[in-house]
Amino acid sequence: MNVTIADNEKAIIEKHSKILSTISHDLKSPMIALLGFSRIMMREIEATNANQRWLDML
């Protein structure tokens, strides 16, 4: 079975949505910010050294 990147990303987004729907509001905002930041960083084709440092921390 071929799993495409889009299928994989869709599954990840669904899992994140399920998790976020069950946690408190105090945790949602920082979690959403981290998820958005990590998605932006992961989509970059060539990670610079500075970006790679941030990716390693996530």
N, C-alpha and C. Protein backbone atom coordinates (compact mmCIF):
# COMPACT_ATOMS: atom_id res chain seq x y z
N MET A 1 0.85 -1.19 0.00
CA MET A 1 0.00 0.00 0.00
C MET A 1 0.88 1.24 0.00
N ASN A 2 0.66 2.10 -0.95
CA ASN A 2 1.41 3.35 -1.04
C ASN A 2 0.73 4.41 -0.19
N VAL A 3 1.47 4.93 0.76
CA VAL A 3 0.96 6.03 1.59
C VAL A 3 1.65 7.29 1.12
N THR A 4 0.85 8.23 0.64
CA THR A 4 1.43 9.47 0.15
C THR A 4 1.67 10.43 1.32
N ILE A 5 2.44 11.45 1.05
CA ILE A 5 2.71 12.47 2.06
C ILE A 5 1.40 13.14 2.47
N ALA A 6 0.54 13.38 1.52
CA ALA A 6 -0.75 14.03 1.82
C ALA A 6 -1.59 13.15 2.74
N ASP A 7 -1.61 11.84 2.49
CA ASP A 7 -2.35 10.92 3.36
C ASP A 7 -1.77 10.90 4.76
N ASN A 8 -0.45 10.89 4.83
CA ASN A 8 0.23 10.89 6.12
C ASN A 8 -0.07 12.17 6.88
N GLU A 9 0.00 13.30 6.20
CA GLU A 9 -0.27 14.59 6.84
C GLU A 9 -1.72 14.66 7.30
N LYS A 10 -2.63 14.14 6.50
CA LYS A 10 -4.05 14.13 6.87
C LYS A 10 -4.27 13.32 8.14
N ALA A 11 -3.63 12.17 8.24
CA ALA A 11 -3.76 11.33 9.43
C ALA A 11 -3.19 12.03 10.66
N ILE A 12 -2.07 12.71 10.49
CA ILE A 12 -1.46 13.44 11.60
C ILE A 12 -2.36 14.57 12.06
N ILE A 13 -2.93 15.30 11.12
CA ILE A 13 -3.82 16.41 11.46
C ILE A 13 -5.05 15.89 12.20
N GLU A 14 -5.60 14.76 11.76
CA GLU A 14 -6.75 14.18 12.44
C GLU A 14 -6.41 13.78 13.87
N LYS A 15 -5.24 13.19 14.08
CA LYS A 15 -4.81 12.81 15.43
C LYS A 15 -4.62 14.04 16.30
N HIS A 16 -4.01 15.07 15.76
CA HIS A 16 -3.80 16.31 16.51
C HIS A 16 -5.14 16.94 16.88
N SER A 17 -6.08 16.93 15.96
CA SER A 17 -7.40 17.49 16.23
C SER A 17 -8.08 16.75 17.37
N LYS A 18 -7.95 15.44 17.36
CA LYS A 18 -8.56 14.62 18.41
C LYS A 18 -7.93 14.93 19.77
N ILE A 19 -6.63 15.04 19.80
CA ILE A 19 -5.93 15.35 21.05
C ILE A 19 -6.32 16.74 21.53
N LEU A 20 -6.30 17.72 20.62
CA LEU A 20 -6.60 19.09 21.00
C LEU A 20 -8.04 19.26 21.48
N SER A 21 -8.94 18.43 21.01
CA SER A 21 -10.33 18.54 21.44
C SER A 21 -10.52 18.05 22.87
N THR A 22 -9.56 17.30 23.38
CA THR A 22 -9.71 16.75 24.72
C THR A 22 -8.90 17.48 25.79
N ILE A 23 -7.98 18.34 25.40
CA ILE A 23 -7.16 19.03 26.40
C ILE A 23 -7.76 20.38 26.75
N SER A 24 -7.32 20.92 27.86
CA SER A 24 -7.87 22.18 28.34
C SER A 24 -7.46 23.35 27.44
N HIS A 25 -8.22 24.41 27.55
CA HIS A 25 -7.98 25.61 26.75
C HIS A 25 -6.60 26.21 27.04
N ASP A 26 -6.14 26.10 28.28
CA ASP A 26 -4.84 26.67 28.65
C ASP A 26 -3.69 26.02 27.88
N LEU A 27 -3.87 24.79 27.47
CA LEU A 27 -2.83 24.10 26.72
C LEU A 27 -3.02 24.21 25.21
N LYS A 28 -4.24 24.49 24.78
CA LYS A 28 -4.52 24.51 23.35
C LYS A 28 -3.73 25.57 22.59
N SER A 29 -3.73 26.79 23.08
CA SER A 29 -3.07 27.87 22.34
C SER A 29 -1.58 27.62 22.12
N PRO A 30 -0.83 27.28 23.18
CA PRO A 30 0.59 26.99 22.93
C PRO A 30 0.81 25.77 22.03
N MET A 31 -0.03 24.74 22.20
CA MET A 31 0.11 23.55 21.37
C MET A 31 -0.16 23.87 19.90
N ILE A 32 -1.19 24.65 19.64
CA ILE A 32 -1.52 25.02 18.27
C ILE A 32 -0.39 25.84 17.65
N ALA A 33 0.18 26.73 18.44
CA ALA A 33 1.31 27.53 17.94
C ALA A 33 2.50 26.64 17.60
N LEU A 34 2.81 25.68 18.46
CA LEU A 34 3.92 24.77 18.19
C LEU A 34 3.65 23.90 16.97
N LEU A 35 2.44 23.42 16.84
CA LEU A 35 2.10 22.59 15.68
C LEU A 35 2.23 23.39 14.38
N GLY A 36 1.72 24.60 14.40
CA GLY A 36 1.83 25.45 13.21
C GLY A 36 3.27 25.75 12.85
N PHE A 37 4.06 26.08 13.87
CA PHE A 37 5.47 26.38 13.66
C PHE A 37 6.20 25.16 13.10
N SER A 38 5.92 23.99 13.67
CA SER A 38 6.61 22.78 13.20
C SER A 38 6.20 22.43 11.77
N ARG A 39 4.92 22.65 11.41
CA ARG A 39 4.49 22.38 10.03
C ARG A 39 5.21 23.29 9.05
N ILE A 40 5.35 24.55 9.40
CA ILE A 40 6.06 25.49 8.53
C ILE A 40 7.51 25.05 8.36
N MET A 41 8.14 24.70 9.45
CA MET A 41 9.54 24.30 9.40
C MET A 41 9.73 23.01 8.60
N MET A 42 8.80 22.05 8.76
CA MET A 42 8.92 20.77 8.07
C MET A 42 8.70 20.91 6.56
N ARG A 43 7.95 21.90 6.14
CA ARG A 43 7.65 22.07 4.73
C ARG A 43 8.80 22.70 3.95
N GLU A 44 9.74 23.28 4.64
CA GLU A 44 10.86 23.88 3.94
C GLU A 44 11.71 22.78 3.33
N ILE A 45 12.06 22.98 2.08
CA ILE A 45 12.81 21.95 1.36
C ILE A 45 14.22 21.80 1.92
N GLU A 46 14.91 22.92 2.06
CA GLU A 46 16.26 22.88 2.60
C GLU A 46 16.27 23.62 3.92
N ALA A 47 16.49 22.89 4.99
CA ALA A 47 16.55 23.52 6.31
C ALA A 47 17.94 24.12 6.52
N THR A 48 17.96 25.38 6.87
CA THR A 48 19.24 26.01 7.18
C THR A 48 19.69 25.50 8.54
N ASN A 49 20.89 25.84 8.94
CA ASN A 49 21.39 25.41 10.24
C ASN A 49 20.52 25.92 11.37
N ALA A 50 20.07 27.16 11.29
CA ALA A 50 19.22 27.72 12.34
C ALA A 50 17.88 26.99 12.38
N ASN A 51 17.29 26.74 11.22
CA ASN A 51 16.03 26.01 11.17
C ASN A 51 16.19 24.58 11.68
N GLN A 52 17.30 23.95 11.34
CA GLN A 52 17.52 22.58 11.78
C GLN A 52 17.61 22.53 13.30
N ARG A 53 18.19 23.54 13.93
CA ARG A 53 18.26 23.59 15.39
C ARG A 53 16.86 23.61 15.99
N TRP A 54 15.97 24.42 15.40
CA TRP A 54 14.59 24.50 15.89
C TRP A 54 13.86 23.16 15.67
N LEU A 55 14.09 22.54 14.51
CA LEU A 55 13.46 21.25 14.24
C LEU A 55 13.92 20.19 15.22
N ASP A 56 15.20 20.21 15.55
CA ASP A 56 15.73 19.24 16.51
C ASP A 56 15.09 19.40 17.89
N MET A 57 14.80 20.66 18.27
CA MET A 57 14.16 20.91 19.57
C MET A 57 12.73 20.41 19.59
N LEU A 58 12.04 20.48 18.44
CA LEU A 58 10.65 20.02 18.38
C LEU A 58 10.63 18.52 18.38
